[in-house]
């Protein structure tokens, strides 16, 4: 049994001695992106995977898109997601998840009145922001880099 005095503590006067960040980035900062539909934050990235927190504003949706080199798994943290994947349209509620296979056309929408927050786990050989083919976009964005999601 560990006594309270034996538990590790953090020294608030020396931030460099705090617990290590889960993000492998060298500066410890997460990548944050703002888009017309909301925001995304890269929480962690490694060989073959990337984890993002995505927040979609009420009434907004991402482009109808597909990726050549990755699949995605979406877990709804709060709110409700309307998801199109291939020919199927489903509703995904808080604490539920759905899988988007590589090469499938897909779209994420927030039909609710509160922000939709989800965790996205990307898996694949290439996870660059330019691996996107847009079929339809409410914000008139084109394919490729700086136009993600």
Protein backbone atom coordinates (compact mmCIF):
# COMPACT_ATOMS: atom_id res chain seq x y z
CA UNK A 1 0.00 0.00 0.00
CA UNK A 2 1.30 3.45 -0.91
CA UNK A 3 1.24 6.01 1.88
CA UNK A 4 0.14 9.55 1.05
CA UNK A 5 3.65 10.82 1.72
CA UNK A 6 5.06 8.34 -0.84
CA UNK A 7 2.82 9.49 -3.70
CA UNK A 8 4.58 11.45 -6.42
CA UNK A 9 3.93 15.18 -6.39
CA UNK A 10 4.35 17.90 -8.97
CA UNK A 11 6.57 20.87 -8.25
CA UNK A 12 4.59 23.89 -9.42
CA UNK A 13 7.67 26.10 -9.24
CA UNK A 14 9.50 23.98 -11.83
CA UNK A 15 7.19 23.29 -14.81
CA UNK A 16 9.89 21.31 -16.61
CA UNK A 17 9.54 18.64 -13.93
CA UNK A 18 5.81 18.17 -14.46
CA UNK A 19 4.28 15.02 -15.90
CA UNK A 20 5.19 14.39 -19.55
CA UNK A 21 2.74 15.42 -22.25
CA UNK A 22 0.96 12.65 -24.17
CA UNK A 23 1.65 14.59 -27.37
CA UNK A 24 4.86 13.55 -29.09
CA UNK A 25 5.38 17.03 -30.51
CA UNK A 26 8.70 18.54 -29.49
CA UNK A 27 7.22 21.75 -28.09
CA UNK A 28 4.38 20.02 -26.20
CA UNK A 29 1.76 22.18 -27.97
CA UNK A 30 -1.25 20.72 -29.76
CA UNK A 31 -2.11 21.75 -33.31
CA UNK A 32 -5.39 23.69 -33.34
CA UNK A 33 -7.34 24.49 -36.49
CA UNK A 34 -10.31 26.78 -36.98
CA UNK A 35 -12.74 26.06 -39.78
CA UNK A 36 -16.09 27.57 -40.84
CA UNK A 37 -17.91 24.64 -39.18
CA UNK A 38 -15.97 24.73 -35.87
CA UNK A 39 -12.54 23.67 -34.58
CA UNK A 40 -10.21 20.70 -34.32
CA UNK A 41 -7.29 19.98 -31.99
CA UNK A 42 -4.67 17.31 -32.64
CA UNK A 43 -4.29 15.59 -29.28
CA UNK A 44 -1.69 13.02 -30.26
CA UNK A 45 0.02 11.74 -33.39
CA UNK A 46 2.31 8.79 -34.02
CA UNK A 47 3.31 6.32 -36.71
CA UNK A 48 0.07 5.28 -38.43
CA UNK A 49 -2.37 7.15 -36.19
CA UNK A 50 -3.62 10.62 -35.26
CA UNK A 51 -6.13 11.55 -32.54
CA UNK A 52 -8.21 14.74 -32.82
CA UNK A 53 -10.86 16.50 -30.77
CA UNK A 54 -13.42 17.93 -33.18
CA UNK A 55 -16.10 20.47 -32.25
CA UNK A 56 -18.86 21.22 -34.77
CA UNK A 57 -21.10 24.27 -34.31
CA UNK A 58 -24.86 23.68 -34.14
CA UNK A 59 -26.41 23.55 -37.61
CA UNK A 60 -23.05 23.15 -39.39
CA UNK A 61 -21.52 20.25 -41.29
CA UNK A 62 -18.21 19.20 -42.77
CA UNK A 63 -17.72 18.57 -46.47
CA UNK A 64 -18.83 15.36 -48.17
CA UNK A 65 -15.36 13.89 -48.58
CA UNK A 66 -13.16 10.81 -48.77
CA UNK A 67 -9.56 9.87 -47.99
CA UNK A 68 -7.30 7.61 -50.05
CA UNK A 69 -4.89 6.68 -47.27
CA UNK A 70 -6.77 6.56 -43.96
CA UNK A 71 -9.82 5.34 -42.10
CA UNK A 72 -11.49 7.22 -39.26
CA UNK A 73 -13.30 6.21 -36.08
CA UNK A 74 -15.56 8.85 -34.49
CA UNK A 75 -16.64 8.75 -30.83
CA UNK A 76 -19.31 11.27 -29.78
CA UNK A 77 -18.46 12.93 -26.46
CA UNK A 78 -21.40 15.36 -26.38
CA UNK A 79 -24.19 16.35 -28.71
CA UNK A 80 -25.58 14.34 -31.62
CA UNK A 81 -23.93 13.58 -34.95
CA UNK A 82 -25.66 12.99 -38.26
CA UNK A 83 -23.26 10.82 -40.26
CA UNK A 84 -23.27 9.91 -43.93
CA UNK A 85 -20.94 7.03 -44.77
CA UNK A 86 -21.23 5.57 -48.24
CA UNK A 87 -24.94 5.12 -48.95
CA UNK A 88 -25.93 5.01 -45.25
CA UNK A 89 -27.12 7.89 -43.07
CA UNK A 90 -27.16 7.33 -39.30
CA UNK A 91 -27.51 9.30 -36.08
CA UNK A 92 -24.72 8.82 -33.54
CA UNK A 93 -25.51 9.86 -29.98
CA UNK A 94 -23.38 10.69 -26.93
CA UNK A 95 -21.07 7.79 -25.95
CA UNK A 96 -21.66 6.02 -29.28
CA UNK A 97 -19.21 5.63 -32.15
CA UNK A 98 -19.00 4.87 -35.85
CA UNK A 99 -16.31 3.75 -38.27
CA UNK A 100 -15.49 5.34 -41.65
CA UNK A 101 -13.50 2.93 -43.87
CA UNK A 102 -10.70 4.21 -46.09
CA UNK A 103 -12.00 5.31 -49.50
CA UNK A 104 -15.63 5.80 -48.38
CA UNK A 105 -17.40 9.09 -49.02
CA UNK A 106 -18.51 10.52 -45.68
CA UNK A 107 -19.90 13.61 -43.98
CA UNK A 108 -20.34 14.74 -40.38
CA UNK A 109 -23.13 17.13 -39.37
CA UNK A 110 -24.38 18.68 -36.14
CA UNK A 111 -28.19 18.80 -36.40
CA UNK A 112 -28.54 19.81 -32.74
CA UNK A 113 -28.62 23.06 -30.79
CA UNK A 114 -25.49 22.44 -28.70
CA UNK A 115 -21.92 21.97 -29.98
CA UNK A 116 -21.08 18.46 -31.19
CA UNK A 117 -17.83 17.25 -29.62
CA UNK A 118 -16.19 14.07 -30.81
CA UNK A 119 -12.88 12.28 -30.75
CA UNK A 120 -11.58 11.22 -34.15
CA UNK A 121 -9.00 8.44 -34.41
CA UNK A 122 -7.33 8.29 -37.82
CA UNK A 123 -5.43 5.18 -38.93
CA UNK A 124 -3.44 4.73 -42.12
CA UNK A 125 -0.18 4.88 -44.01
CA UNK A 126 -0.47 8.64 -44.63
CA UNK A 127 -2.35 11.10 -42.40
CA UNK A 128 -1.53 14.43 -44.07
CA UNK A 129 -4.12 17.18 -44.24
CA UNK A 130 -3.92 17.07 -48.05
CA UNK A 131 -5.39 13.54 -48.28
CA UNK A 132 -8.90 14.76 -48.94
CA UNK A 133 -11.20 14.61 -51.94
CA UNK A 134 -14.23 16.86 -51.59
CA UNK A 135 -17.46 16.00 -53.39
CA UNK A 136 -19.55 18.81 -51.87
CA UNK A 137 -18.74 21.66 -49.49
CA UNK A 138 -21.05 24.26 -47.93
CA UNK A 139 -18.13 26.71 -47.67
CA UNK A 140 -16.86 26.44 -51.29
CA UNK A 141 -13.47 25.01 -50.26
CA UNK A 142 -11.38 23.01 -52.68
CA UNK A 143 -9.45 19.76 -52.24
CA UNK A 144 -6.05 19.51 -50.62
CA UNK A 145 -3.89 21.19 -48.00
CA UNK A 146 -5.29 23.94 -45.76
CA UNK A 147 -8.81 22.82 -46.58
CA UNK A 148 -9.07 19.89 -44.14
CA UNK A 149 -12.37 18.65 -42.95
